[in-house]
């Protein structure tokens, strides 16, 4: 995903150990994002999750839209 460099998204980072490795979970989110480029577009709340290992390898990446309001307390 390409993001504008001037846009600072709320970001939450957590770390968890699996059986063998430590994984870092990075959540970026934004509320009130238009679903399309029009004046009558539906506004959604967007979240992206990236999971990486300690050597920087991305093991999972996904994003989704929801109507549920996202906050630091409930996104991770």
PDB file of N, CA and C in Angstrom:
ATOM      1  N   UNK A   1       0.831  -1.174   0.000  1.00  0.00           N
ATOM      2  CA  UNK A   1       0.000   0.000   0.000  1.00  0.00           C
ATOM      3  C   UNK A   1       0.876   1.238   0.000  1.00  0.00           C
ATOM      4  N   UNK A   2       0.503   2.237  -0.783  1.00  0.00           N
ATOM      5  CA  UNK A   2       1.243   3.491  -0.844  1.00  0.00           C
ATOM      6  C   UNK A   2       0.481   4.524  -0.016  1.00  0.00           C
ATOM      7  N   UNK A   3       1.183   5.135   0.927  1.00  0.00           N
ATOM      8  CA  UNK A   3       0.573   6.151   1.773  1.00  0.00           C
ATOM      9  C   UNK A   3       1.236   7.492   1.519  1.00  0.00           C
ATOM     10  N   UNK A   4       0.455   8.555   1.619  1.00  0.00           N
ATOM     11  CA  UNK A   4       1.022   9.888   1.513  1.00  0.00           C
ATOM     12  C   UNK A   4       1.943  10.119   2.709  1.00  0.00           C
ATOM     13  N   UNK A   5       3.122  10.652   2.472  1.00  0.00           N
ATOM     14  CA  UNK A   5       4.103  10.809   3.543  1.00  0.00           C
ATOM     15  C   UNK A   5       3.674  11.836   4.590  1.00  0.00           C
ATOM     16  N   UNK A   6       2.776  12.731   4.246  1.00  0.00           N
ATOM     17  CA  UNK A   6       2.339  13.748   5.191  1.00  0.00           C
ATOM     18  C   UNK A   6       1.208  13.256   6.097  1.00  0.00           C
ATOM     19  N   UNK A   7       0.638  12.111   5.806  1.00  0.00           N
ATOM     20  CA  UNK A   7      -0.478  11.583   6.577  1.00  0.00           C
ATOM     21  C   UNK A   7       0.034  10.723   7.724  1.00  0.00           C
ATOM     22  N   UNK A   8      -0.254  11.139   8.952  1.00  0.00           N
ATOM     23  CA  UNK A   8       0.149  10.363  10.131  1.00  0.00           C
ATOM     24  C   UNK A   8      -1.051   9.603  10.644  1.00  0.00           C
ATOM     25  N   UNK A   9      -1.018   8.305  10.460  1.00  0.00           N
ATOM     26  CA  UNK A   9      -2.117   7.456  10.887  1.00  0.00           C
ATOM     27  C   UNK A   9      -1.909   7.016  12.321  1.00  0.00           C
ATOM     28  N   UNK A  10      -2.993   6.887  13.090  1.00  0.00           N
ATOM     29  CA  UNK A  10      -2.853   6.284  14.414  1.00  0.00           C
ATOM     30  C   UNK A  10      -2.301   4.869  14.246  1.00  0.00           C
ATOM     31  N   UNK A  11      -1.306   4.518  15.047  1.00  0.00           N
ATOM     32  CA  UNK A  11      -0.635   3.228  14.920  1.00  0.00           C
ATOM     33  C   UNK A  11      -0.441   2.602  16.293  1.00  0.00           C
ATOM     34  N   UNK A  12      -0.740   1.322  16.391  1.00  0.00           N
ATOM     35  CA  UNK A  12      -0.535   0.546  17.605  1.00  0.00           C
ATOM     36  C   UNK A  12       0.415  -0.600  17.263  1.00  0.00           C
ATOM     37  N   UNK A  13       1.440  -0.809  18.096  1.00  0.00           N
ATOM     38  CA  UNK A  13       2.394  -1.886  17.880  1.00  0.00           C
ATOM     39  C   UNK A  13       2.412  -2.778  19.121  1.00  0.00           C
ATOM     40  N   UNK A  14       2.203  -4.075  18.902  1.00  0.00           N
ATOM     41  CA  UNK A  14       2.282  -5.045  19.990  1.00  0.00           C
ATOM     42  C   UNK A  14       3.249  -6.151  19.582  1.00  0.00           C
ATOM     43  N   UNK A  15       3.804  -6.824  20.579  1.00  0.00           N
ATOM     44  CA  UNK A  15       4.711  -7.944  20.315  1.00  0.00           C
ATOM     45  C   UNK A  15       4.191  -9.167  21.042  1.00  0.00           C
ATOM     46  N   UNK A  16       4.293 -10.313  20.365  1.00  0.00           N
ATOM     47  CA  UNK A  16       3.859 -11.575  20.951  1.00  0.00           C
ATOM     48  C   UNK A  16       4.854 -12.673  20.592  1.00  0.00           C
ATOM     49  N   UNK A  17       5.060 -13.563  21.546  1.00  0.00           N
ATOM     50  CA  UNK A  17       5.893 -14.735  21.293  1.00  0.00           C
ATOM     51  C   UNK A  17       5.009 -15.885  20.858  1.00  0.00           C
ATOM     52  N   UNK A  18       5.387 -16.524  19.758  1.00  0.00           N
ATOM     53  CA  UNK A  18       4.765 -17.791  19.401  1.00  0.00           C
ATOM     54  C   UNK A  18       5.656 -18.874  20.002  1.00  0.00           C
ATOM     55  N   UNK A  19       5.507 -20.084  19.584  1.00  0.00           N
ATOM     56  CA  UNK A  19       6.309 -21.172  20.144  1.00  0.00           C
ATOM     57  C   UNK A  19       7.805 -20.930  19.926  1.00  0.00           C
ATOM     58  N   UNK A  20       8.178 -20.376  18.775  1.00  0.00           N
ATOM     59  CA  UNK A  20       9.600 -20.257  18.441  1.00  0.00           C
ATOM     60  C   UNK A  20      10.094 -18.841  18.187  1.00  0.00           C
ATOM     61  N   UNK A  21       9.230 -17.930  17.787  1.00  0.00           N
ATOM     62  CA  UNK A  21       9.701 -16.600  17.381  1.00  0.00           C
ATOM     63  C   UNK A  21       8.839 -15.487  17.988  1.00  0.00           C
ATOM     64  N   UNK A  22       9.451 -14.321  18.065  1.00  0.00           N
ATOM     65  CA  UNK A  22       8.708 -13.135  18.470  1.00  0.00           C
ATOM     66  C   UNK A  22       8.139 -12.486  17.211  1.00  0.00           C
ATOM     67  N   UNK A  23       6.877 -12.104  17.261  1.00  0.00           N
ATOM     68  CA  UNK A  23       6.239 -11.435  16.129  1.00  0.00           C
ATOM     69  C   UNK A  23       5.755 -10.062  16.567  1.00  0.00           C
ATOM     70  N   UNK A  24       5.879  -9.097  15.657  1.00  0.00           N
ATOM     71  CA  UNK A  24       5.424  -7.740  15.895  1.00  0.00           C
ATOM     72  C   UNK A  24       4.162  -7.501  15.074  1.00  0.00           C
ATOM     73  N   UNK A  25       3.107  -7.059  15.751  1.00  0.00           N
ATOM     74  CA  UNK A  25       1.826  -6.765  15.117  1.00  0.00           C
ATOM     75  C   UNK A  25       1.674  -5.254  15.048  1.00  0.00           C
ATOM     76  N   UNK A  26       1.594  -4.716  13.831  1.00  0.00           N
ATOM     77  CA  UNK A  26       1.464  -3.277  13.641  1.00  0.00           C
ATOM     78  C   UNK A  26       0.094  -2.986  13.044  1.00  0.00           C
ATOM     79  N   UNK A  27      -0.711  -2.232  13.789  1.00  0.00           N
ATOM     80  CA  UNK A  27      -2.060  -1.858  13.362  1.00  0.00           C
ATOM     81  C   UNK A  27      -2.069  -0.370  13.033  1.00  0.00           C
ATOM     82  N   UNK A  28      -2.488  -0.022  11.830  1.00  0.00           N
ATOM     83  CA  UNK A  28      -2.717   1.376  11.442  1.00  0.00           C
ATOM     84  C   UNK A  28      -4.205   1.503  11.160  1.00  0.00           C
ATOM     85  N   UNK A  29      -4.793   2.636  11.549  1.00  0.00           N
ATOM     86  CA  UNK A  29      -6.229   2.774  11.317  1.00  0.00           C
ATOM     87  C   UNK A  29      -6.614   4.227  11.085  1.00  0.00           C
ATOM     88  N   UNK A  30      -7.799   4.413  10.522  1.00  0.00           N
ATOM     89  CA  UNK A  30      -8.338   5.742  10.278  1.00  0.00           C
ATOM     90  C   UNK A  30      -9.854   5.633  10.195  1.00  0.00           C
ATOM     91  N   UNK A  31     -10.545   6.497  10.898  1.00  0.00           N
ATOM     92  CA  UNK A  31     -12.010   6.528  10.884  1.00  0.00           C
ATOM     93  C   UNK A  31     -12.505   7.559   9.873  1.00  0.00           C
ATOM     94  N   UNK A  32     -13.664   7.304   9.295  1.00  0.00           N
ATOM     95  CA  UNK A  32     -14.311   8.257   8.398  1.00  0.00           C
ATOM     96  C   UNK A  32     -13.683   8.354   7.023  1.00  0.00           C
ATOM     97  N   UNK A  33     -13.251   7.234   6.481  1.00  0.00           N
ATOM     98  CA  UNK A  33     -12.637   7.208   5.153  1.00  0.00           C
ATOM     99  C   UNK A  33     -13.717   6.948   4.110  1.00  0.00           C
ATOM    100  N   UNK A  34     -13.801   7.792   3.050  1.00  0.00           N
ATOM    101  CA  UNK A  34     -14.802   7.530   2.013  1.00  0.00           C
ATOM    102  C   UNK A  34     -14.476   6.248   1.247  1.00  0.00           C
ATOM    103  N   UNK A  35     -15.504   5.451   1.002  1.00  0.00           N
ATOM    104  CA  UNK A  35     -15.322   4.175   0.312  1.00  0.00           C
ATOM    105  C   UNK A  35     -15.038   4.362  -1.181  1.00  0.00           C
ATOM    106  N   UNK A  36     -15.439   5.486  -1.712  1.00  0.00           N
ATOM    107  CA  UNK A  36     -15.137   5.808  -3.111  1.00  0.00           C
ATOM    108  C   UNK A  36     -14.996   7.320  -3.236  1.00  0.00           C
ATOM    109  N   UNK A  37     -14.588   7.781  -4.398  1.00  0.00           N
ATOM    110  CA  UNK A  37     -14.338   9.197  -4.626  1.00  0.00           C
ATOM    111  C   UNK A  37     -15.589   9.888  -5.170  1.00  0.00           C
ATOM    112  N   UNK A  38     -16.528  10.169  -4.254  1.00  0.00           N
ATOM    113  CA  UNK A  38     -17.723  10.914  -4.648  1.00  0.00           C
ATOM    114  C   UNK A  38     -18.274  11.622  -3.417  1.00  0.00           C
ATOM    115  N   UNK A  39     -19.125  12.615  -3.651  1.00  0.00           N
ATOM    116  CA  UNK A  39     -19.690  13.392  -2.546  1.00  0.00           C
ATOM    117  C   UNK A  39     -20.633  12.571  -1.672  1.00  0.00           C
ATOM    118  N   UNK A  40     -21.270  11.556  -2.243  1.00  0.00           N
ATOM    119  CA  UNK A  40     -22.231  10.756  -1.484  1.00  0.00           C
ATOM    120  C   UNK A  40     -21.648   9.409  -1.031  1.00  0.00           C
ATOM    121  N   UNK A  41     -20.321   9.321  -0.971  1.00  0.00           N
ATOM    122  CA  UNK A  41     -19.663   8.059  -0.627  1.00  0.00           C
ATOM    123  C   UNK A  41     -19.961   7.642   0.808  1.00  0.00           C
ATOM    124  N   UNK A  42     -20.091   6.368   1.006  1.00  0.00           N
ATOM    125  CA  UNK A  42     -20.239   5.791   2.334  1.00  0.00           C
ATOM    126  C   UNK A  42     -18.921   5.954   3.087  1.00  0.00           C
ATOM    127  N   UNK A  43     -18.977   6.414   4.333  1.00  0.00           N
ATOM    128  CA  UNK A  43     -17.780   6.561   5.151  1.00  0.00           C
ATOM    129  C   UNK A  43     -17.584   5.299   5.984  1.00  0.00           C
ATOM    130  N   UNK A  44     -16.370   4.775   5.960  1.00  0.00           N
ATOM    131  CA  UNK A  44     -16.042   3.556   6.702  1.00  0.00           C
ATOM    132  C   UNK A  44     -14.833   3.828   7.594  1.00  0.00           C
ATOM    133  N   UNK A  45     -14.580   2.906   8.488  1.00  0.00           N
ATOM    134  CA  UNK A  45     -13.399   2.963   9.330  1.00  0.00           C
ATOM    135  C   UNK A  45     -12.458   1.878   8.835  1.00  0.00           C
ATOM    136  N   UNK A  46     -11.205   2.264   8.569  1.00  0.00           N
ATOM    137  CA  UNK A  46     -10.243   1.400   7.895  1.00  0.00           C
ATOM    138  C   UNK A  46      -9.141   0.986   8.866  1.00  0.00           C
ATOM    139  N   UNK A  47      -8.690  -0.266   8.761  1.00  0.00           N
ATOM    140  CA  UNK A  47      -7.604  -0.767   9.592  1.00  0.00           C
ATOM    141  C   UNK A  47      -6.696  -1.665   8.750  1.00  0.00           C
ATOM    142  N   UNK A  48      -5.403  -1.554   9.003  1.00  0.00           N
ATOM    143  CA  UNK A  48      -4.414  -2.391   8.329  1.00  0.00           C
ATOM    144  C   UNK A  48      -3.593  -3.114   9.392  1.00  0.00           C
ATOM    145  N   UNK A  49      -3.344  -4.390   9.180  1.00  0.00           N
ATOM    146  CA  UNK A  49      -2.523  -5.182  10.090  1.00  0.00           C
ATOM    147  C   UNK A  49      -1.345  -5.763   9.319  1.00  0.00           C
ATOM    148  N   UNK A  50      -0.135  -5.546   9.863  1.00  0.00           N
ATOM    149  CA  UNK A  50       1.071  -6.143   9.307  1.00  0.00           C
ATOM    150  C   UNK A  50       1.775  -6.889  10.428  1.00  0.00           C
ATOM    151  N   UNK A  51       2.095  -8.164  10.181  1.00  0.00           N
ATOM    152  CA  UNK A  51       2.816  -8.984  11.161  1.00  0.00           C
ATOM    153  C   UNK A  51       4.210  -9.236  10.610  1.00  0.00           C
ATOM    154  N   UNK A  52       5.221  -8.943  11.427  1.00  0.00           N
ATOM    155  CA  UNK A  52       6.605  -9.136  11.009  1.00  0.00           C
ATOM    156  C   UNK A  52       7.370  -9.929  12.066  1.00  0.00           C
ATOM    157  N   UNK A  53       8.449 -10.575  11.620  1.00  0.00           N
ATOM    158  CA  UNK A  53       9.352 -11.268  12.536  1.00  0.00           C
ATOM    159  C   UNK A  53      10.467 -10.300  12.921  1.00  0.00           C
ATOM    160  N   UNK A  54      11.321 -10.709  13.850  1.00  0.00           N
ATOM    161  CA  UNK A  54      12.378  -9.806  14.319  1.00  0.00           C
ATOM    162  C   UNK A  54      13.380  -9.437  13.234  1.00  0.00           C
ATOM    163  N   UNK A  55      13.503 -10.249  12.198  1.00  0.00           N
ATOM    164  CA  UNK A  55      14.411  -9.917  11.097  1.00  0.00           C
ATOM    165  C   UNK A  55      13.738  -9.054  10.022  1.00  0.00           C
ATOM    166  N   UNK A  56      12.490  -8.620  10.264  1.00  0.00           N
ATOM    167  CA  UNK A  56      11.795  -7.730   9.347  1.00  0.00           C
ATOM    168  C   UNK A  56      10.960  -8.420   8.283  1.00  0.00           C
ATOM    169  N   UNK A  57      10.924  -9.725   8.273  1.00  0.00           N
ATOM    170  CA  UNK A  57      10.148 -10.454   7.273  1.00  0.00           C
ATOM    171  C   UNK A  57       8.656 -10.306   7.564  1.00  0.00           C
ATOM    172  N   UNK A  58       7.892  -9.899   6.553  1.00  0.00           N
ATOM    173  CA  UNK A  58       6.440  -9.766   6.690  1.00  0.00           C
ATOM    174  C   UNK A  58       5.821 -11.148   6.531  1.00  0.00           C
ATOM    175  N   UNK A  59       5.118 -11.590   7.573  1.00  0.00           N
ATOM    176  CA  UNK A  59       4.489 -12.908   7.518  1.00  0.00           C
ATOM    177  C   UNK A  59       2.988 -12.819   7.267  1.00  0.00           C
ATOM    178  N   UNK A  60       2.418 -11.621   7.450  1.00  0.00           N
ATOM    179  CA  UNK A  60       0.983 -11.431   7.212  1.00  0.00           C
ATOM    180  C   UNK A  60       0.732  -9.958   6.978  1.00  0.00           C
ATOM    181  N   UNK A  61      -0.152  -9.670   6.022  1.00  0.00           N
ATOM    182  CA  UNK A  61      -0.556  -8.289   5.762  1.00  0.00           C
ATOM    183  C   UNK A  61      -1.983  -8.302   5.232  1.00  0.00           C
ATOM    184  N   UNK A  62      -2.838  -7.464   5.829  1.00  0.00           N
ATOM    185  CA  UNK A  62      -4.225  -7.390   5.385  1.00  0.00           C
ATOM    186  C   UNK A  62      -4.804  -6.060   5.839  1.00  0.00           C
ATOM    187  N   UNK A  63      -5.874  -5.643   5.203  1.00  0.00           N
ATOM    188  CA  UNK A  63      -6.596  -4.450   5.640  1.00  0.00           C
ATOM    189  C   UNK A  63      -8.088  -4.718   5.480  1.00  0.00           C
ATOM    190  N   UNK A  64      -8.867  -3.971   6.239  1.00  0.00           N
ATOM    191  CA  UNK A  64     -10.309  -4.166   6.178  1.00  0.00           C
ATOM    192  C   UNK A  64     -11.026  -2.882   6.523  1.00  0.00           C
ATOM    193  N   UNK A  65     -12.310  -2.822   6.165  1.00  0.00           N
ATOM    194  CA  UNK A  65     -13.174  -1.683   6.465  1.00  0.00           C
ATOM    195  C   UNK A  65     -14.298  -2.171   7.362  1.00  0.00           C
ATOM    196  N   UNK A  66     -14.717  -1.311   8.273  1.00  0.00           N
ATOM    197  CA  UNK A  66     -15.769  -1.658   9.219  1.00  0.00           C
ATOM    198  C   UNK A  66     -16.602  -0.428   9.547  1.00  0.00           C
ATOM    199  N   UNK A  67     -17.778  -0.642  10.095  1.00  0.00           N
ATOM    200  CA  UNK A  67     -18.590   0.475  10.579  1.00  0.00           C
ATOM    201  C   UNK A  67     -18.339   0.715  12.068  1.00  0.00           C
ATOM    202  N   UNK A  68     -17.592  -0.176  12.710  1.00  0.00           N
ATOM    203  CA  UNK A  68     -17.304  -0.065  14.133  1.00  0.00           C
ATOM    204  C   UNK A  68     -16.238   1.018  14.356  1.00  0.00           C
ATOM    205  N   UNK A  69     -16.477   1.977  15.249  1.00  0.00           N
ATOM    206  CA  UNK A  69     -15.474   3.035  15.497  1.00  0.00           C
ATOM    207  C   UNK A  69     -14.172   2.451  16.073  1.00  0.00           C
ATOM    208  N   UNK A  70     -13.050   2.815  15.469  1.00  0.00           N
ATOM    209  CA  UNK A  70     -11.759   2.288  15.903  1.00  0.00           C
ATOM    210  C   UNK A  70     -11.049   3.297  16.801  1.00  0.00           C
ATOM    211  N   UNK A  71     -10.422   2.769  17.877  1.00  0.00           N
ATOM    212  CA  UNK A  71      -9.654   3.575  18.818  1.00  0.00           C
ATOM    213  C   UNK A  71      -8.417   2.779  19.226  1.00  0.00           C
ATOM    214  N   UNK A  72      -7.482   3.446  19.860  1.00  0.00           N
ATOM    215  CA  UNK A  72      -6.288   2.737  20.358  1.00  0.00           C
ATOM    216  C   UNK A  72      -6.681   1.576  21.260  1.00  0.00           C
ATOM    217  N   UNK A  73      -7.721   1.752  22.037  1.00  0.00           N
ATOM    218  CA  UNK A  73      -8.124   0.756  23.022  1.00  0.00           C
ATOM    219  C   UNK A  73      -8.776  -0.496  22.411  1.00  0.00           C
ATOM    220  N   UNK A  74      -9.300  -0.406  21.198  1.00  0.00           N
ATOM    221  CA  UNK A  74     -10.020  -1.561  20.653  1.00  0.00           C
ATOM    222  C   UNK A  74      -9.492  -2.071  19.312  1.00  0.00           C
ATOM    223  N   UNK A  75      -8.470  -1.468  18.776  1.00  0.00           N
ATOM    224  CA  UNK A  75      -8.011  -1.873  17.453  1.00  0.00           C
ATOM    225  C   UNK A  75      -7.134  -3.128  17.485  1.00  0.00           C
ATOM    226  N   UNK A  76      -6.381  -3.310  18.540  1.00  0.00           N
ATOM    227  CA  UNK A  76      -5.471  -4.468  18.609  1.00  0.00           C
ATOM    228  C   UNK A  76      -6.102  -5.616  19.357  1.00  0.00           C
TER     229      UNK A  76
END
